[in-house]
Amino acid sequence: MTETSDAAGYDLEDRTFRFARAVRAFVRRVPRSLQNTEDVRQLVRASGSVGANYIEANEALSKKDFVHRLRIARKEAKESRYWLRLVDTRDDVSLSDERDGLVREGQELLLIFSAIIRNAS
């Protein structure tokens, strides 16, 4: 639906991909516990869905479908933030800092999707 021939479209696609990859790198270092195992599963799914739904939005057949897919991408970004905040880093400062950076990136993606949705409506 959007014109992704410009660099901005591909930049956001790449940015969502880098977000999902960074989350995966982060969770490999997270301490193993029953709670973290469940939270990490949800986090990995949500973080990957951000980019997948953004790609789907760009292939939408109508404006309504485009906005719908972007809303899903935004929802997945919100979920990613939520699951990130729940992950227990056991007071490991570097892990906590990495998690905080990922939470900020999730927030920025959420704001970007919100702006696109607002402009498309």
PDB file of N, CA and C in Angstrom:
ATOM      1  N   MET A   1       0.821  -1.198   0.000  1.00  0.00           N
ATOM      2  CA  MET A   1       0.000   0.000   0.000  1.00  0.00           C
ATOM      3  C   MET A   1       0.861   1.256   0.000  1.00  0.00           C
ATOM      4  N   THR A   2       1.919   1.264   0.815  1.00  0.00           N
ATOM      5  CA  THR A   2       2.809   2.417   0.781  1.00  0.00           C
ATOM      6  C   THR A   2       3.808   2.218  -0.342  1.00  0.00           C
ATOM      7  N   GLU A   3       4.409   3.289  -0.727  1.00  0.00           N
ATOM      8  CA  GLU A   3       5.426   3.189  -1.756  1.00  0.00           C
ATOM      9  C   GLU A   3       6.750   2.889  -1.086  1.00  0.00           C
ATOM     10  N   THR A   4       7.170   1.626  -1.160  1.00  0.00           N
ATOM     11  CA  THR A   4       8.395   1.211  -0.493  1.00  0.00           C
ATOM     12  C   THR A   4       9.597   1.300  -1.411  1.00  0.00           C
ATOM     13  N   SER A   5       9.424   1.899  -2.573  1.00  0.00           N
ATOM     14  CA  SER A   5      10.581   2.062  -3.436  1.00  0.00           C
ATOM     15  C   SER A   5      11.533   3.127  -2.886  1.00  0.00           C
ATOM     16  N   ASP A   6      11.036   3.943  -1.962  1.00  0.00           N
ATOM     17  CA  ASP A   6      11.915   4.928  -1.342  1.00  0.00           C
ATOM     18  C   ASP A   6      12.682   4.281  -0.190  1.00  0.00           C
ATOM     19  N   ALA A   7      13.730   4.924   0.222  1.00  0.00           N
ATOM     20  CA  ALA A   7      14.591   4.369   1.264  1.00  0.00           C
ATOM     21  C   ALA A   7      13.880   4.256   2.601  1.00  0.00           C
ATOM     22  N   ALA A   8      12.947   5.158   2.896  1.00  0.00           N
ATOM     23  CA  ALA A   8      12.272   5.151   4.194  1.00  0.00           C
ATOM     24  C   ALA A   8      11.498   3.863   4.407  1.00  0.00           C
ATOM     25  N   GLY A   9      10.805   3.374   3.390  1.00  0.00           N
ATOM     26  CA  GLY A   9      10.053   2.130   3.510  1.00  0.00           C
ATOM     27  C   GLY A   9      10.963   0.968   3.836  1.00  0.00           C
ATOM     28  N   TYR A  10      12.045   0.878   3.126  1.00  0.00           N
ATOM     29  CA  TYR A  10      12.979  -0.201   3.387  1.00  0.00           C
ATOM     30  C   TYR A  10      13.714   0.005   4.699  1.00  0.00           C
ATOM     31  N   ASP A  11      13.960   1.238   5.090  1.00  0.00           N
ATOM     32  CA  ASP A  11      14.624   1.490   6.362  1.00  0.00           C
ATOM     33  C   ASP A  11      13.797   0.968   7.524  1.00  0.00           C
ATOM     34  N   LEU A  12      12.488   1.176   7.487  1.00  0.00           N
ATOM     35  CA  LEU A  12      11.631   0.701   8.568  1.00  0.00           C
ATOM     36  C   LEU A  12      11.534  -0.821   8.545  1.00  0.00           C
ATOM     37  N   GLU A  13      11.501  -1.395   7.369  1.00  0.00           N
ATOM     38  CA  GLU A  13      11.509  -2.857   7.269  1.00  0.00           C
ATOM     39  C   GLU A  13      12.803  -3.405   7.871  1.00  0.00           C
ATOM     40  N   ASP A  14      13.912  -2.784   7.547  1.00  0.00           N
ATOM     41  CA  ASP A  14      15.196  -3.207   8.091  1.00  0.00           C
ATOM     42  C   ASP A  14      15.257  -2.947   9.596  1.00  0.00           C
ATOM     43  N   ARG A  15      14.705  -1.843  10.020  1.00  0.00           N
ATOM     44  CA  ARG A  15      14.734  -1.504  11.452  1.00  0.00           C
ATOM     45  C   ARG A  15      13.939  -2.517  12.267  1.00  0.00           C
ATOM     46  N   THR A  16      12.786  -2.927  11.767  1.00  0.00           N
ATOM     47  CA  THR A  16      11.998  -3.928  12.490  1.00  0.00           C
ATOM     48  C   THR A  16      12.724  -5.268  12.508  1.00  0.00           C
ATOM     49  N   PHE A  17      13.434  -5.583  11.418  1.00  0.00           N
ATOM     50  CA  PHE A  17      14.230  -6.811  11.364  1.00  0.00           C
ATOM     51  C   PHE A  17      15.363  -6.757  12.391  1.00  0.00           C
ATOM     52  N   ARG A  18      16.053  -5.629  12.443  1.00  0.00           N
ATOM     53  CA  ARG A  18      17.151  -5.477  13.408  1.00  0.00           C
ATOM     54  C   ARG A  18      16.625  -5.566  14.840  1.00  0.00           C
ATOM     55  N   PHE A  19      15.429  -5.040  15.079  1.00  0.00           N
ATOM     56  CA  PHE A  19      14.813  -5.129  16.407  1.00  0.00           C
ATOM     57  C   PHE A  19      14.608  -6.594  16.789  1.00  0.00           C
ATOM     58  N   ALA A  20      14.021  -7.367  15.895  1.00  0.00           N
ATOM     59  CA  ALA A  20      13.768  -8.786  16.177  1.00  0.00           C
ATOM     60  C   ALA A  20      15.084  -9.536  16.394  1.00  0.00           C
ATOM     61  N   ARG A  21      16.092  -9.229  15.606  1.00  0.00           N
ATOM     62  CA  ARG A  21      17.396  -9.890  15.769  1.00  0.00           C
ATOM     63  C   ARG A  21      18.036  -9.502  17.091  1.00  0.00           C
ATOM     64  N   ALA A  22      17.933  -8.234  17.468  1.00  0.00           N
ATOM     65  CA  ALA A  22      18.509  -7.774  18.733  1.00  0.00           C
ATOM     66  C   ALA A  22      17.814  -8.438  19.922  1.00  0.00           C
ATOM     67  N   VAL A  23      16.508  -8.606  19.817  1.00  0.00           N
ATOM     68  CA  VAL A  23      15.761  -9.302  20.879  1.00  0.00           C
ATOM     69  C   VAL A  23      16.264 -10.733  21.004  1.00  0.00           C
ATOM     70  N   ARG A  24      16.463 -11.394  19.877  1.00  0.00           N
ATOM     71  CA  ARG A  24      16.946 -12.771  19.909  1.00  0.00           C
ATOM     72  C   ARG A  24      18.351 -12.868  20.516  1.00  0.00           C
ATOM     73  N   ALA A  25      19.196 -11.916  20.204  1.00  0.00           N
ATOM     74  CA  ALA A  25      20.538 -11.901  20.800  1.00  0.00           C
ATOM     75  C   ALA A  25      20.439 -11.675  22.308  1.00  0.00           C
ATOM     76  N   PHE A  26      19.535 -10.791  22.712  1.00  0.00           N
ATOM     77  CA  PHE A  26      19.337 -10.503  24.127  1.00  0.00           C
ATOM     78  C   PHE A  26      18.861 -11.745  24.881  1.00  0.00           C
ATOM     79  N   VAL A  27      17.868 -12.438  24.354  1.00  0.00           N
ATOM     80  CA  VAL A  27      17.292 -13.562  25.098  1.00  0.00           C
ATOM     81  C   VAL A  27      18.260 -14.735  25.226  1.00  0.00           C
ATOM     82  N   ARG A  28      19.234 -14.811  24.344  1.00  0.00           N
ATOM     83  CA  ARG A  28      20.248 -15.875  24.485  1.00  0.00           C
ATOM     84  C   ARG A  28      21.090 -15.671  25.745  1.00  0.00           C
ATOM     85  N   ARG A  29      21.159 -14.444  26.227  1.00  0.00           N
ATOM     86  CA  ARG A  29      21.976 -14.123  27.401  1.00  0.00           C
ATOM     87  C   ARG A  29      21.178 -14.054  28.706  1.00  0.00           C
ATOM     88  N   VAL A  30      19.868 -14.138  28.594  1.00  0.00           N
ATOM     89  CA  VAL A  30      18.988 -14.010  29.763  1.00  0.00           C
ATOM     90  C   VAL A  30      19.115 -15.255  30.649  1.00  0.00           C
ATOM     91  N   PRO A  31      19.157 -15.052  31.983  1.00  0.00           N
ATOM     92  CA  PRO A  31      19.205 -16.201  32.900  1.00  0.00           C
ATOM     93  C   PRO A  31      17.993 -17.115  32.707  1.00  0.00           C
ATOM     94  N   ARG A  32      18.233 -18.404  32.779  1.00  0.00           N
ATOM     95  CA  ARG A  32      17.160 -19.375  32.590  1.00  0.00           C
ATOM     96  C   ARG A  32      16.383 -19.565  33.893  1.00  0.00           C
ATOM     97  N   SER A  33      15.073 -19.440  33.782  1.00  0.00           N
ATOM     98  CA  SER A  33      14.155 -19.730  34.877  1.00  0.00           C
ATOM     99  C   SER A  33      12.811 -20.050  34.238  1.00  0.00           C
ATOM    100  N   LEU A  34      11.919 -20.624  35.006  1.00  0.00           N
ATOM    101  CA  LEU A  34      10.605 -20.961  34.469  1.00  0.00           C
ATOM    102  C   LEU A  34       9.891 -19.714  33.957  1.00  0.00           C
ATOM    103  N   GLN A  35       9.927 -18.642  34.737  1.00  0.00           N
ATOM    104  CA  GLN A  35       9.258 -17.405  34.333  1.00  0.00           C
ATOM    105  C   GLN A  35       9.884 -16.829  33.073  1.00  0.00           C
ATOM    106  N   ASN A  36      11.210 -16.754  33.032  1.00  0.00           N
ATOM    107  CA  ASN A  36      11.867 -16.196  31.860  1.00  0.00           C
ATOM    108  C   ASN A  36      11.609 -17.029  30.615  1.00  0.00           C
ATOM    109  N   THR A  37      11.560 -18.338  30.771  1.00  0.00           N
ATOM    110  CA  THR A  37      11.298 -19.193  29.608  1.00  0.00           C
ATOM    111  C   THR A  37       9.972 -18.836  28.969  1.00  0.00           C
ATOM    112  N   GLU A  38       8.946 -18.682  29.770  1.00  0.00           N
ATOM    113  CA  GLU A  38       7.631 -18.343  29.231  1.00  0.00           C
ATOM    114  C   GLU A  38       7.599 -16.927  28.667  1.00  0.00           C
ATOM    115  N   ASP A  39       8.195 -15.987  29.389  1.00  0.00           N
ATOM    116  CA  ASP A  39       8.214 -14.602  28.923  1.00  0.00           C
ATOM    117  C   ASP A  39       9.026 -14.458  27.638  1.00  0.00           C
ATOM    118  N   VAL A  40      10.140 -15.160  27.556  1.00  0.00           N
ATOM    119  CA  VAL A  40      10.997 -15.102  26.377  1.00  0.00           C
ATOM    120  C   VAL A  40      10.266 -15.658  25.153  1.00  0.00           C
ATOM    121  N   ARG A  41       9.521 -16.724  25.319  1.00  0.00           N
ATOM    122  CA  ARG A  41       8.747 -17.278  24.187  1.00  0.00           C
ATOM    123  C   ARG A  41       7.794 -16.229  23.628  1.00  0.00           C
ATOM    124  N   GLN A  42       7.091 -15.568  24.512  1.00  0.00           N
ATOM    125  CA  GLN A  42       6.152 -14.530  24.085  1.00  0.00           C
ATOM    126  C   GLN A  42       6.890 -13.358  23.433  1.00  0.00           C
ATOM    127  N   LEU A  43       8.004 -12.984  24.022  1.00  0.00           N
ATOM    128  CA  LEU A  43       8.800 -11.867  23.511  1.00  0.00           C
ATOM    129  C   LEU A  43       9.323 -12.143  22.105  1.00  0.00           C
ATOM    130  N   VAL A  44       9.850 -13.327  21.893  1.00  0.00           N
ATOM    131  CA  VAL A  44      10.393 -13.669  20.579  1.00  0.00           C
ATOM    132  C   VAL A  44       9.288 -13.635  19.531  1.00  0.00           C
ATOM    133  N   ARG A  45       8.131 -14.173  19.857  1.00  0.00           N
ATOM    134  CA  ARG A  45       6.999 -14.142  18.908  1.00  0.00           C
ATOM    135  C   ARG A  45       6.578 -12.717  18.585  1.00  0.00           C
ATOM    136  N   ALA A  46       6.392 -11.913  19.624  1.00  0.00           N
ATOM    137  CA  ALA A  46       5.913 -10.541  19.420  1.00  0.00           C
ATOM    138  C   ALA A  46       6.917  -9.712  18.639  1.00  0.00           C
ATOM    139  N   SER A  47       8.193  -9.829  18.976  1.00  0.00           N
ATOM    140  CA  SER A  47       9.202  -9.007  18.300  1.00  0.00           C
ATOM    141  C   SER A  47       9.322  -9.364  16.821  1.00  0.00           C
ATOM    142  N   GLY A  48       9.177 -10.624  16.482  1.00  0.00           N
ATOM    143  CA  GLY A  48       9.205 -11.023  15.075  1.00  0.00           C
ATOM    144  C   GLY A  48       7.962 -10.590  14.330  1.00  0.00           C
ATOM    145  N   SER A  49       6.846 -10.567  15.027  1.00  0.00           N
ATOM    146  CA  SER A  49       5.582 -10.176  14.402  1.00  0.00           C
ATOM    147  C   SER A  49       5.529  -8.699  14.043  1.00  0.00           C
ATOM    148  N   VAL A  50       6.306  -7.879  14.727  1.00  0.00           N
ATOM    149  CA  VAL A  50       6.337  -6.447  14.403  1.00  0.00           C
ATOM    150  C   VAL A  50       6.708  -6.272  12.936  1.00  0.00           C
ATOM    151  N   GLY A  51       7.837  -6.812  12.556  1.00  0.00           N
ATOM    152  CA  GLY A  51       8.313  -6.668  11.184  1.00  0.00           C
ATOM    153  C   GLY A  51       7.475  -7.430  10.183  1.00  0.00           C
ATOM    154  N   ALA A  52       7.036  -8.623  10.558  1.00  0.00           N
ATOM    155  CA  ALA A  52       6.218  -9.429   9.645  1.00  0.00           C
ATOM    156  C   ALA A  52       4.931  -8.695   9.284  1.00  0.00           C
ATOM    157  N   ASN A  53       4.307  -8.078  10.255  1.00  0.00           N
ATOM    158  CA  ASN A  53       3.066  -7.349   9.978  1.00  0.00           C
ATOM    159  C   ASN A  53       3.319  -6.049   9.230  1.00  0.00           C
ATOM    160  N   TYR A  54       4.477  -5.434   9.451  1.00  0.00           N
ATOM    161  CA  TYR A  54       4.817  -4.253   8.671  1.00  0.00           C
ATOM    162  C   TYR A  54       4.997  -4.630   7.197  1.00  0.00           C
ATOM    163  N   ILE A  55       5.654  -5.739   6.943  1.00  0.00           N
ATOM    164  CA  ILE A  55       5.819  -6.211   5.566  1.00  0.00           C
ATOM    165  C   ILE A  55       4.451  -6.507   4.952  1.00  0.00           C
ATOM    166  N   GLU A  56       3.582  -7.163   5.715  1.00  0.00           N
ATOM    167  CA  GLU A  56       2.223  -7.443   5.229  1.00  0.00           C
ATOM    168  C   GLU A  56       1.479  -6.147   4.912  1.00  0.00           C
ATOM    169  N   ALA A  57       1.667  -5.138   5.732  1.00  0.00           N
ATOM    170  CA  ALA A  57       1.002  -3.849   5.481  1.00  0.00           C
ATOM    171  C   ALA A  57       1.448  -3.274   4.147  1.00  0.00           C
ATOM    172  N   ASN A  58       2.711  -3.399   3.847  1.00  0.00           N
ATOM    173  CA  ASN A  58       3.225  -2.866   2.592  1.00  0.00           C
ATOM    174  C   ASN A  58       2.728  -3.632   1.372  1.00  0.00           C
ATOM    175  N   GLU A  59       2.200  -4.818   1.590  1.00  0.00           N
ATOM    176  CA  GLU A  59       1.643  -5.621   0.501  1.00  0.00           C
ATOM    177  C   GLU A  59       0.113  -5.572   0.497  1.00  0.00           C
ATOM    178  N   ALA A  60      -0.461  -4.721   1.313  1.00  0.00           N
ATOM    179  CA  ALA A  60      -1.914  -4.642   1.450  1.00  0.00           C
ATOM    180  C   ALA A  60      -2.572  -4.275   0.126  1.00  0.00           C
ATOM    181  N   LEU A  61      -3.778  -4.798  -0.047  1.00  0.00           N
ATOM    182  CA  LEU A  61      -4.530  -4.548  -1.271  1.00  0.00           C
ATOM    183  C   LEU A  61      -5.455  -3.348  -1.174  1.00  0.00           C
ATOM    184  N   SER A  62      -5.640  -2.862   0.039  1.00  0.00           N
ATOM    185  CA  SER A  62      -6.501  -1.697   0.228  1.00  0.00           C
ATOM    186  C   SER A  62      -5.964  -0.859   1.385  1.00  0.00           C
ATOM    187  N   LYS A  63      -6.440   0.363   1.457  1.00  0.00           N
ATOM    188  CA  LYS A  63      -6.040   1.251   2.549  1.00  0.00           C
ATOM    189  C   LYS A  63      -6.502   0.686   3.893  1.00  0.00           C
ATOM    190  N   LYS A  64      -7.695   0.119   3.911  1.00  0.00           N
ATOM    191  CA  LYS A  64      -8.237  -0.458   5.138  1.00  0.00           C
ATOM    192  C   LYS A  64      -7.350  -1.614   5.627  1.00  0.00           C
ATOM    193  N   ASP A  65      -6.930  -2.470   4.711  1.00  0.00           N
ATOM    194  CA  ASP A  65      -6.054  -3.584   5.069  1.00  0.00           C
ATOM    195  C   ASP A  65      -4.694  -3.069   5.532  1.00  0.00           C
ATOM    196  N   PHE A  66      -4.190  -2.041   4.869  1.00  0.00           N
ATOM    197  CA  PHE A  66      -2.914  -1.425   5.236  1.00  0.00           C
ATOM    198  C   PHE A  66      -2.960  -0.934   6.687  1.00  0.00           C
ATOM    199  N   VAL A  67      -3.988  -0.183   7.015  1.00  0.00           N
ATOM    200  CA  VAL A  67      -4.116   0.358   8.372  1.00  0.00           C
ATOM    201  C   VAL A  67      -4.292  -0.774   9.379  1.00  0.00           C
ATOM    202  N   HIS A  68      -5.065  -1.788   9.012  1.00  0.00           N
ATOM    203  CA  HIS A  68      -5.278  -2.930   9.906  1.00  0.00           C
ATOM    204  C   HIS A  68      -3.956  -3.624  10.236  1.00  0.00           C
ATOM    205  N   ARG A  69      -3.140  -3.880   9.227  1.00  0.00           N
ATOM    206  CA  ARG A  69      -1.849  -4.548   9.443  1.00  0.00           C
ATOM    207  C   ARG A  69      -0.899  -3.681  10.270  1.00  0.00           C
ATOM    208  N   LEU A  70      -0.933  -2.392  10.027  1.00  0.00           N
ATOM    209  CA  LEU A  70      -0.092  -1.495  10.834  1.00  0.00           C
ATOM    210  C   LEU A  70      -0.549  -1.479  12.292  1.00  0.00           C
ATOM    211  N   ARG A  71      -1.837  -1.556  12.514  1.00  0.00           N
ATOM    212  CA  ARG A  71      -2.333  -1.616  13.897  1.00  0.00           C
ATOM    213  C   ARG A  71      -1.856  -2.890  14.583  1.00  0.00           C
ATOM    214  N   ILE A  72      -1.810  -3.980  13.832  1.00  0.00           N
ATOM    215  CA  ILE A  72      -1.293  -5.224  14.406  1.00  0.00           C
ATOM    216  C   ILE A  72       0.196  -5.075  14.710  1.00  0.00           C
ATOM    217  N   ALA A  73       0.953  -4.480  13.799  1.00  0.00           N
ATOM    218  CA  ALA A  73       2.386  -4.257  14.039  1.00  0.00           C
ATOM    219  C   ALA A  73       2.578  -3.397  15.284  1.00  0.00           C
ATOM    220  N   ARG A  74       1.761  -2.368  15.421  1.00  0.00           N
ATOM    221  CA  ARG A  74       1.835  -1.495  16.602  1.00  0.00           C
ATOM    222  C   ARG A  74       1.518  -2.284  17.870  1.00  0.00           C
ATOM    223  N   LYS A  75       0.503  -3.130  17.813  1.00  0.00           N
ATOM    224  CA  LYS A  75       0.130  -3.963  18.954  1.00  0.00           C
ATOM    225  C   LYS A  75       1.274  -4.893  19.341  1.00  0.00           C
ATOM    226  N   GLU A  76       1.932  -5.468  18.362  1.00  0.00           N
ATOM    227  CA  GLU A  76       3.055  -6.369  18.637  1.00  0.00           C
ATOM    228  C   GLU A  76       4.242  -5.609  19.229  1.00  0.00           C
ATOM    229  N   ALA A  77       4.440  -4.365  18.810  1.00  0.00           N
ATOM    230  CA  ALA A  77       5.494  -3.542  19.412  1.00  0.00           C
ATOM    231  C   ALA A  77       5.176  -3.279  20.885  1.00  0.00           C
ATOM    232  N   LYS A  78       3.900  -3.007  21.171  1.00  0.00           N
ATOM    233  CA  LYS A  78       3.488  -2.811  22.572  1.00  0.00           C
ATOM    234  C   LYS A  78       3.723  -4.073  23.383  1.00  0.00           C
ATOM    235  N   GLU A  79       3.347  -5.213  22.806  1.00  0.00           N
ATOM    236  CA  GLU A  79       3.549  -6.483  23.509  1.00  0.00           C
ATOM    237  C   GLU A  79       5.025  -6.755  23.740  1.00  0.00           C
ATOM    238  N   SER A  80       5.834  -6.455  22.751  1.00  0.00           N
ATOM    239  CA  SER A  80       7.279  -6.657  22.900  1.00  0.00           C
ATOM    240  C   SER A  80       7.810  -5.864  24.072  1.00  0.00           C
ATOM    241  N   ARG A  81       7.387  -4.607  24.190  1.00  0.00           N
ATOM    242  CA  ARG A  81       7.802  -3.780  25.332  1.00  0.00           C
ATOM    243  C   ARG A  81       7.386  -4.426  26.640  1.00  0.00           C
ATOM    244  N   TYR A  82       6.164  -4.904  26.683  1.00  0.00           N
ATOM    245  CA  TYR A  82       5.625  -5.526  27.894  1.00  0.00           C
ATOM    246  C   TYR A  82       6.457  -6.741  28.310  1.00  0.00           C
ATOM    247  N   TRP A  83       6.691  -7.651  27.364  1.00  0.00           N
ATOM    248  CA  TRP A  83       7.439  -8.865  27.681  1.00  0.00           C
ATOM    249  C   TRP A  83       8.886  -8.538  28.039  1.00  0.00           C
ATOM    250  N   LEU A  84       9.467  -7.562  27.373  1.00  0.00           N
ATOM    251  CA  LEU A  84      10.825  -7.152  27.723  1.00  0.00           C
ATOM    252  C   LEU A  84      10.890  -6.691  29.177  1.00  0.00           C
ATOM    253  N   ARG A  85       9.926  -5.912  29.580  1.00  0.00           N
ATOM    254  CA  ARG A  85       9.923  -5.388  30.946  1.00  0.00           C
ATOM    255  C   ARG A  85       9.757  -6.498  31.987  1.00  0.00           C
ATOM    256  N   LEU A  86       9.106  -7.599  31.583  1.00  0.00           N
ATOM    257  CA  LEU A  86       8.912  -8.711  32.517  1.00  0.00           C
ATOM    258  C   LEU A  86      10.132  -9.616  32.657  1.00  0.00           C
ATOM    259  N   VAL A  87      10.998  -9.631  31.675  1.00  0.00           N
ATOM    260  CA  VAL A  87      12.162 -10.519  31.716  1.00  0.00           C
ATOM    261  C   VAL A  87      13.052 -10.146  32.897  1.00  0.00           C
ATOM    262  N   ASP A  88      13.403 -11.154  33.692  1.00  0.00           N
ATOM    263  CA  ASP A  88      14.245 -10.967  34.876  1.00  0.00           C
ATOM    264  C   ASP A  88      15.711 -11.051  34.470  1.00  0.00           C
ATOM    265  N   THR A  89      16.436  -9.966  34.652  1.00  0.00           N
ATOM    266  CA  THR A  89      17.870  -9.942  34.320  1.00  0.00           C
ATOM    267  C   THR A  89      18.734 -10.234  35.539  1.00  0.00           C
ATOM    268  N   ARG A  90      18.097 -10.489  36.654  1.00  0.00           N
ATOM    269  CA  ARG A  90      18.792 -10.786  37.915  1.00  0.00           C
ATOM    270  C   ARG A  90      19.839  -9.730  38.254  1.00  0.00           C
ATOM    271  N   ASP A  91      19.456  -8.498  38.079  1.00  0.00           N
ATOM    272  CA  ASP A  91      20.303  -7.347  38.434  1.00  0.00           C
ATOM    273  C   ASP A  91      21.627  -7.293  37.674  1.00  0.00           C
ATOM    274  N   ASP A  92      21.695  -7.947  36.522  1.00  0.00           N
ATOM    275  CA  ASP A  92      22.869  -7.837  35.654  1.00  0.00           C
ATOM    276  C   ASP A  92      22.757  -6.493  34.937  1.00  0.00           C
ATOM    277  N   VAL A  93      23.659  -5.575  35.255  1.00  0.00           N
ATOM    278  CA  VAL A  93      23.574  -4.203  34.759  1.00  0.00           C
ATOM    279  C   VAL A  93      23.621  -4.152  33.236  1.00  0.00           C
ATOM    280  N   SER A  94      24.516  -4.904  32.619  1.00  0.00           N
ATOM    281  CA  SER A  94      24.614  -4.849  31.153  1.00  0.00           C
ATOM    282  C   SER A  94      23.361  -5.413  30.496  1.00  0.00           C
ATOM    283  N   LEU A  95      22.797  -6.485  31.054  1.00  0.00           N
ATOM    284  CA  LEU A  95      21.545  -7.026  30.517  1.00  0.00           C
ATOM    285  C   LEU A  95      20.393  -6.050  30.713  1.00  0.00           C
ATOM    286  N   SER A  96      20.349  -5.427  31.873  1.00  0.00           N
ATOM    287  CA  SER A  96      19.288  -4.446  32.148  1.00  0.00           C
ATOM    288  C   SER A  96      19.382  -3.263  31.193  1.00  0.00           C
ATOM    289  N   ASP A  97      20.597  -2.812  30.930  1.00  0.00           N
ATOM    290  CA  ASP A  97      20.790  -1.703  29.987  1.00  0.00           C
ATOM    291  C   ASP A  97      20.367  -2.114  28.574  1.00  0.00           C
ATOM    292  N   GLU A  98      20.737  -3.322  28.194  1.00  0.00           N
ATOM    293  CA  GLU A  98      20.352  -3.826  26.874  1.00  0.00           C
ATOM    294  C   GLU A  98      18.830  -3.921  26.767  1.00  0.00           C
ATOM    295  N   ARG A  99      18.202  -4.439  27.824  1.00  0.00           N
ATOM    296  CA  ARG A  99      16.748  -4.539  27.851  1.00  0.00           C
ATOM    297  C   ARG A  99      16.114  -3.155  27.743  1.00  0.00           C
ATOM    298  N   ASP A 100      16.639  -2.180  28.475  1.00  0.00           N
ATOM    299  CA  ASP A 100      16.094  -0.825  28.425  1.00  0.00           C
ATOM    300  C   ASP A 100      16.203  -0.233  27.023  1.00  0.00           C
ATOM    301  N   GLY A 101      17.312  -0.502  26.347  1.00  0.00           N
ATOM    302  CA  GLY A 101      17.470  -0.035  24.969  1.00  0.00           C
ATOM    303  C   GLY A 101      16.456  -0.673  24.038  1.00  0.00           C
ATOM    304  N   LEU A 102      16.179  -1.949  24.241  1.00  0.00           N
ATOM    305  CA  LEU A 102      15.170  -2.633  23.420  1.00  0.00           C
ATOM    306  C   LEU A 102      13.768  -2.106  23.714  1.00  0.00           C
ATOM    307  N   VAL A 103      13.496  -1.807  24.973  1.00  0.00           N
ATOM    308  CA  VAL A 103      12.199  -1.222  25.331  1.00  0.00           C
ATOM    309  C   VAL A 103      12.040   0.127  24.629  1.00  0.00           C
ATOM    310  N   ARG A 104      13.105   0.930  24.611  1.00  0.00           N
ATOM    311  CA  ARG A 104      13.053   2.236  23.927  1.00  0.00           C
ATOM    312  C   ARG A 104      12.819   2.051  22.419  1.00  0.00           C
ATOM    313  N   GLU A 105      13.495   1.074  21.827  1.00  0.00           N
ATOM    314  CA  GLU A 105      13.307   0.826  20.395  1.00  0.00           C
ATOM    315  C   GLU A 105      11.874   0.378  20.114  1.00  0.00           C
ATOM    316  N   GLY A 106      11.331  -0.475  20.972  1.00  0.00           N
ATOM    317  CA  GLY A 106       9.937  -0.885  20.825  1.00  0.00           C
ATOM    318  C   GLY A 106       8.994   0.306  20.909  1.00  0.00           C
ATOM    319  N   GLN A 107       9.282   1.230  21.825  1.00  0.00           N
ATOM    320  CA  GLN A 107       8.480   2.446  21.965  1.00  0.00           C
ATOM    321  C   GLN A 107       8.588   3.316  20.719  1.00  0.00           C
ATOM    322  N   GLU A 108       9.789   3.457  20.182  1.00  0.00           N
ATOM    323  CA  GLU A 108       9.961   4.265  18.971  1.00  0.00           C
ATOM    324  C   GLU A 108       9.215   3.652  17.788  1.00  0.00           C
ATOM    325  N   LEU A 109       9.280   2.337  17.649  1.00  0.00           N
ATOM    326  CA  LEU A 109       8.536   1.670  16.572  1.00  0.00           C
ATOM    327  C   LEU A 109       7.036   1.900  16.741  1.00  0.00           C
ATOM    328  N   LEU A 110       6.574   1.791  17.976  1.00  0.00           N
ATOM    329  CA  LEU A 110       5.154   2.041  18.270  1.00  0.00           C
ATOM    330  C   LEU A 110       4.759   3.452  17.841  1.00  0.00           C
ATOM    331  N   LEU A 111       5.579   4.427  18.162  1.00  0.00           N
ATOM    332  CA  LEU A 111       5.275   5.813  17.796  1.00  0.00           C
ATOM    333  C   LEU A 111       5.304   6.021  16.282  1.00  0.00           C
ATOM    334  N   ILE A 112       6.238   5.369  15.614  1.00  0.00           N
ATOM    335  CA  ILE A 112       6.314   5.471  14.151  1.00  0.00           C
ATOM    336  C   ILE A 112       5.058   4.882  13.523  1.00  0.00           C
ATOM    337  N   PHE A 113       4.664   3.692  13.977  1.00  0.00           N
ATOM    338  CA  PHE A 113       3.449   3.075  13.428  1.00  0.00           C
ATOM    339  C   PHE A 113       2.217   3.925  13.719  1.00  0.00           C
ATOM    340  N   SER A 114       2.164   4.511  14.901  1.00  0.00           N
ATOM    341  CA  SER A 114       1.029   5.380  15.246  1.00  0.00           C
ATOM    342  C   SER A 114       0.952   6.575  14.313  1.00  0.00           C
ATOM    343  N   ALA A 115       2.099   7.167  13.995  1.00  0.00           N
ATOM    344  CA  ALA A 115       2.124   8.320  13.085  1.00  0.00           C
ATOM    345  C   ALA A 115       1.690   7.915  11.671  1.00  0.00           C
ATOM    346  N   ILE A 116       2.157   6.757  11.217  1.00  0.00           N
ATOM    347  CA  ILE A 116       1.756   6.289   9.873  1.00  0.00           C
ATOM    348  C   ILE A 116       0.258   6.037   9.847  1.00  0.00           C
ATOM    349  N   ILE A 117      -0.266   5.410  10.867  1.00  0.00           N
ATOM    350  CA  ILE A 117      -1.710   5.128  10.940  1.00  0.00           C
ATOM    351  C   ILE A 117      -2.496   6.436  10.940  1.00  0.00           C
ATOM    352  N   ARG A 118      -2.047   7.386  11.732  1.00  0.00           N
ATOM    353  CA  ARG A 118      -2.731   8.687  11.802  1.00  0.00           C
ATOM    354  C   ARG A 118      -2.732   9.375  10.447  1.00  0.00           C
ATOM    355  N   ASN A 119      -1.606   9.336   9.743  1.00  0.00           N
ATOM    356  CA  ASN A 119      -1.521   9.983   8.438  1.00  0.00           C
ATOM    357  C   ASN A 119      -2.282   9.242   7.348  1.00  0.00           C
ATOM    358  N   ALA A 120      -2.439   7.934   7.524  1.00  0.00           N
ATOM    359  CA  ALA A 120      -3.145   7.138   6.514  1.00  0.00           C
ATOM    360  C   ALA A 120      -4.662   7.225   6.683  1.00  0.00           C
ATOM    361  N   SER A 121      -5.103   7.623   7.863  1.00  0.00           N
ATOM    362  CA  SER A 121      -6.546   7.647   8.141  1.00  0.00           C
ATOM    363  C   SER A 121      -7.194   8.939   7.705  1.00  0.00           C
TER     364      SER A 121
END
